[in-house]
Amino acid sequence: MPTVAELLDEVALHLGRNREYYPAAEVCRSGLNPALRLLCLLDPTLATERTVVVLPAQSLTLDLRTVAPRAHQVRRVLLGAAGAAVVSRSAAHFAPLAPTTREALARRDPAWLRRTGIPDRWFPRGRHLVAAWPRPVTDHSLTLVCAVVPPPVTADTLTDLSSTPALDSTQHELVARVAAAILLLKDGAGEADRGLQMLMTLFGKEAFTMAAKRLRNLQQQGTQLQPQLVTPAGAA
């Protein structure tokens, strides 16, 4: 599996004659980390984690900013503490709660907010909250399956160049190409144009434009991400 050192070598290869202007720490800060974020925003399945939380008795909601700060999509909610932290694309279900909406619950039962029991449904409440219904009478463990932004590659990571980057090794060549393109955007007009063309070739103009806007929003927010709660179509 490729290491950080090998990934840095890949980035240098794509930078070509510009490689001498970018020390390893700069490549990580201004190239690899934005590239990792961009790719995970384009394909939420690239980095997915399970987060086990406790929903206290008589509580309805959990704040994602506290329980899953790196999440940018909540894809499923499971009842109980489900297995390992990292989830593959084909992860098995573990007592899944059915997705719904507040409106659907209110239509079925005008007194839905007063109902108690073992949670069997989940729904988003605003941008940062996820709710499990009915309200439990005792503490219950829940597992949130979230698309996440990988932890950043930092100077501490570089002290051990044998460490493995966050994404699956099949994605490392793409990560290196995107990182090099982002770094070229910082150079003069000619190199910036080359970097922009590389990104549009890799992603297509429309997809790149949308992802770039989301990446810019995340950078403006610093480390605090804005989670999206995903409810499959047709949920009720």
Protein backbone atom coordinates (compact mmCIF):
# COMPACT_ATOMS: atom_id res chain seq x y z
CA MET A 1 0.00 0.00 0.00
CA PRO A 2 1.43 3.44 -0.91
CA THR A 3 2.95 5.52 1.88
CA VAL A 4 2.95 9.27 2.40
CA ALA A 5 6.46 9.41 0.96
CA GLU A 6 5.36 7.61 -2.20
CA LEU A 7 2.33 9.85 -2.53
CA LEU A 8 4.57 12.93 -2.27
CA ASP A 9 6.75 11.47 -5.02
CA GLU A 10 3.66 11.05 -7.21
CA VAL A 11 2.69 14.69 -6.66
CA ALA A 12 6.23 15.81 -7.56
CA LEU A 13 6.04 13.79 -10.77
CA HIS A 14 2.90 15.61 -11.85
CA LEU A 15 4.32 19.00 -10.85
CA GLY A 16 7.20 18.50 -13.25
CA ARG A 17 9.67 21.36 -13.25
CA ASN A 18 7.70 23.14 -10.51
CA ARG A 19 8.49 20.47 -7.90
CA GLU A 20 11.49 22.34 -6.49
CA TYR A 21 9.27 25.17 -5.29
CA TYR A 22 7.17 22.94 -3.06
CA PRO A 23 8.61 21.42 0.12
CA ALA A 24 6.79 18.42 1.57
CA ALA A 25 4.93 20.40 4.23
CA GLU A 26 3.57 22.81 1.59
CA VAL A 27 2.51 19.93 -0.66
CA CYS A 28 0.52 18.48 2.25
CA ARG A 29 -1.01 21.76 3.43
CA SER A 30 -1.90 23.30 0.07
CA GLY A 31 -2.14 20.24 -2.20
CA LEU A 32 -2.93 16.89 -0.58
CA ASN A 33 -5.42 18.12 2.04
CA PRO A 34 -7.57 20.16 -0.40
CA ALA A 35 -7.38 17.24 -2.85
CA LEU A 36 -8.61 14.78 -0.21
CA ARG A 37 -11.51 17.05 0.67
CA LEU A 38 -12.44 17.70 -2.93
CA LEU A 39 -12.52 14.00 -3.81
CA CYS A 40 -14.57 13.08 -0.75
CA LEU A 41 -17.10 15.81 -1.55
CA LEU A 42 -17.41 14.53 -5.10
CA ASP A 43 -17.78 10.90 -3.99
CA PRO A 44 -19.04 10.52 -0.40
CA THR A 45 -18.36 6.75 -0.47
CA LEU A 46 -14.59 7.28 -0.54
CA ALA A 47 -14.32 7.94 3.21
CA THR A 48 -17.14 6.60 5.37
CA GLU A 49 -17.11 5.96 9.11
CA ARG A 50 -19.38 4.57 11.77
CA THR A 51 -19.71 6.71 14.88
CA VAL A 52 -21.29 5.09 17.94
CA VAL A 53 -23.20 7.56 20.12
CA VAL A 54 -25.58 7.38 23.05
CA LEU A 55 -29.04 8.89 22.75
CA PRO A 56 -30.02 9.75 26.35
CA ALA A 57 -33.39 8.79 27.76
CA GLN A 58 -36.18 11.20 26.80
CA SER A 59 -33.94 12.84 24.19
CA LEU A 60 -34.90 13.15 20.55
CA THR A 61 -31.87 14.72 18.85
CA LEU A 62 -28.08 14.56 18.57
CA ASP A 63 -25.84 17.45 17.52
CA LEU A 64 -23.51 16.37 14.74
CA ARG A 65 -21.08 19.19 15.48
CA THR A 66 -20.34 17.40 18.73
CA VAL A 67 -20.73 13.69 17.97
CA ALA A 68 -19.39 13.59 14.36
CA PRO A 69 -17.51 16.82 13.60
CA ARG A 70 -15.83 15.51 10.41
CA ALA A 71 -19.07 14.27 8.86
CA HIS A 72 -20.39 16.00 5.77
CA GLN A 73 -23.25 13.54 5.09
CA VAL A 74 -25.25 11.28 7.37
CA ARG A 75 -26.25 8.34 5.24
CA ARG A 76 -27.77 5.85 7.68
CA VAL A 77 -28.64 5.50 11.37
CA LEU A 78 -28.47 2.08 13.03
CA LEU A 79 -29.80 0.90 16.38
CA GLY A 80 -27.01 -0.37 18.60
CA ALA A 81 -23.22 -0.18 18.53
CA ALA A 82 -22.28 -1.54 15.12
CA GLY A 83 -18.82 -3.00 14.68
CA ALA A 84 -15.68 -1.32 13.41
CA ALA A 85 -15.28 2.42 12.85
CA VAL A 86 -14.45 2.20 9.14
CA VAL A 87 -17.20 1.16 6.74
CA SER A 88 -16.68 -0.33 3.29
CA ARG A 89 -18.85 0.55 0.31
CA SER A 90 -20.74 -2.74 0.79
CA ALA A 91 -21.12 -2.57 4.58
CA ALA A 92 -23.83 -4.82 5.94
CA HIS A 93 -26.88 -3.31 7.63
CA PHE A 94 -27.07 -3.44 11.40
CA ALA A 95 -30.62 -2.92 12.75
CA PRO A 96 -31.21 0.10 10.52
CA LEU A 97 -33.68 2.82 11.51
CA ALA A 98 -36.06 3.74 8.70
CA PRO A 99 -35.57 7.25 7.33
CA THR A 100 -38.54 9.58 7.58
CA THR A 101 -39.43 13.26 8.03
CA ARG A 102 -41.14 15.31 10.72
CA GLU A 103 -44.00 15.98 8.32
CA ALA A 104 -44.57 12.28 7.67
CA LEU A 105 -44.64 11.50 11.39
CA ALA A 106 -47.06 14.35 12.08
CA ARG A 107 -49.42 13.16 9.34
CA ARG A 108 -49.53 9.66 10.80
CA ASP A 109 -49.81 10.71 14.45
CA PRO A 110 -50.54 14.27 15.63
CA ALA A 111 -49.14 13.31 19.06
CA TRP A 112 -45.88 11.91 17.66
CA LEU A 113 -43.65 14.11 19.81
CA ARG A 114 -45.09 12.55 22.98
CA ARG A 115 -44.55 8.96 21.88
CA THR A 116 -41.87 6.90 23.63
CA GLY A 117 -40.31 3.54 22.92
CA ILE A 118 -37.37 1.98 21.10
CA PRO A 119 -36.31 4.24 18.19
CA ASP A 120 -37.10 2.77 14.79
CA ARG A 121 -36.99 5.89 12.58
CA TRP A 122 -34.62 8.80 12.03
CA PHE A 123 -34.85 12.17 10.36
CA PRO A 124 -32.86 15.41 10.04
CA ARG A 125 -33.65 18.51 12.08
CA GLY A 126 -32.04 21.49 10.42
CA ARG A 127 -28.42 21.48 9.33
CA HIS A 128 -26.72 20.05 12.39
CA LEU A 129 -29.19 17.81 14.20
CA VAL A 130 -30.32 14.24 13.61
CA ALA A 131 -33.33 12.84 15.46
CA ALA A 132 -34.32 9.28 16.39
CA TRP A 133 -38.00 8.47 17.01
CA PRO A 134 -39.83 7.52 19.14
CA ARG A 135 -38.22 9.17 22.15
CA PRO A 136 -36.46 6.43 24.21
CA VAL A 137 -37.33 5.86 27.86
CA THR A 138 -33.79 4.59 28.56
CA ASP A 139 -30.39 5.38 27.08
CA HIS A 140 -29.86 3.78 23.66
CA SER A 141 -26.73 3.32 21.59
CA LEU A 142 -27.00 4.45 17.98
CA THR A 143 -24.52 4.12 15.14
CA LEU A 144 -24.31 6.96 12.63
CA VAL A 145 -22.95 5.96 9.23
CA CYS A 146 -21.43 9.15 7.87
CA ALA A 147 -19.48 10.28 4.87
CA VAL A 148 -16.49 12.12 6.31
CA VAL A 149 -13.59 14.30 5.32
CA PRO A 150 -10.34 12.44 6.14
CA PRO A 151 -8.09 13.82 8.88
CA PRO A 152 -5.53 16.20 7.41
CA VAL A 153 -1.99 15.19 6.54
CA THR A 154 0.13 17.38 8.83
CA ALA A 155 3.73 17.98 9.80
CA ASP A 156 3.25 15.28 12.45
CA THR A 157 2.28 12.82 9.72
CA LEU A 158 5.48 13.64 7.87
CA THR A 159 7.62 12.57 10.80
CA ASP A 160 6.68 9.01 9.84
CA LEU A 161 6.74 8.80 6.06
CA SER A 162 5.88 5.11 6.27
CA SER A 163 2.35 6.03 7.39
CA THR A 164 -0.50 5.35 5.00
CA PRO A 165 -2.73 8.11 3.56
CA ALA A 166 -6.39 8.18 4.52
CA LEU A 167 -8.01 7.00 1.30
CA ASP A 168 -7.91 3.55 -0.24
CA SER A 169 -4.72 2.90 -2.22
CA THR A 170 -6.70 2.66 -5.47
CA GLN A 171 -7.39 6.40 -5.15
CA HIS A 172 -3.83 7.58 -4.51
CA GLU A 173 -2.90 8.23 -8.15
CA LEU A 174 -5.99 10.43 -8.49
CA VAL A 175 -5.21 12.19 -5.19
CA ALA A 176 -1.70 12.98 -6.43
CA ARG A 177 -2.96 14.37 -9.76
CA VAL A 178 -5.56 16.56 -8.06
CA ALA A 179 -3.06 17.78 -5.46
CA ALA A 180 -0.58 18.75 -8.17
CA ALA A 181 -3.29 20.60 -10.11
CA ILE A 182 -4.35 22.55 -7.01
CA LEU A 183 -0.74 23.52 -6.30
CA LEU A 184 -0.31 24.73 -9.89
CA LEU A 185 -3.28 27.05 -9.41
CA LYS A 186 -1.07 29.08 -7.05
CA ASP A 187 1.60 29.66 -9.70
CA GLY A 188 1.69 32.21 -12.48
CA ALA A 189 -0.96 32.54 -15.17
CA GLY A 190 0.42 29.81 -17.43
CA GLU A 191 0.79 27.19 -14.70
CA ALA A 192 -2.53 28.17 -13.11
CA ASP A 193 -4.24 27.60 -16.44
CA ARG A 194 -2.57 24.19 -16.69
CA GLY A 195 -3.74 23.27 -13.19
CA LEU A 196 -7.29 24.37 -13.95
CA GLN A 197 -7.32 22.36 -17.16
CA MET A 198 -6.06 19.28 -15.30
CA LEU A 199 -8.93 19.53 -12.81
CA MET A 200 -11.58 20.05 -15.46
CA THR A 201 -10.19 17.11 -17.45
CA LEU A 202 -10.34 14.87 -14.39
CA PHE A 203 -13.81 15.86 -13.19
CA GLY A 204 -15.63 17.64 -16.01
CA LYS A 205 -16.36 21.34 -15.82
CA GLU A 206 -19.76 21.15 -14.11
CA ALA A 207 -18.75 18.67 -11.41
CA PHE A 208 -15.52 20.53 -10.73
CA THR A 209 -17.31 23.87 -10.37
CA MET A 210 -19.81 22.48 -7.87
CA ALA A 211 -17.17 20.70 -5.81
CA ALA A 212 -14.90 23.76 -5.82
CA LYS A 213 -17.71 25.86 -4.35
CA ARG A 214 -18.27 23.33 -1.56
CA LEU A 215 -14.54 23.10 -0.89
CA ARG A 216 -14.29 26.90 -0.69
CA ASN A 217 -17.16 26.96 1.81
CA LEU A 218 -15.43 24.36 3.97
CA GLN A 219 -12.17 26.30 3.91
CA GLN A 220 -13.98 29.48 4.96
CA GLN A 221 -15.55 27.60 7.87
CA GLY A 222 -12.16 26.30 9.03
CA THR A 223 -12.33 22.89 10.70
CA GLN A 224 -16.07 23.10 11.37
CA LEU A 225 -17.89 21.21 8.64
CA GLN A 226 -21.52 21.67 7.69
CA PRO A 227 -23.11 18.20 7.80
CA GLN A 228 -25.75 17.20 5.29
CA LEU A 229 -28.40 14.73 6.38
CA VAL A 230 -29.37 12.44 3.54
CA THR A 231 -32.86 10.98 3.46
CA PRO A 232 -33.43 8.53 0.60
CA ALA A 233 -36.16 9.43 -1.85
CA GLY A 234 -39.56 8.07 -1.00
CA ALA A 235 -38.91 7.86 2.75
CA ALA A 236 -42.00 8.13 4.89
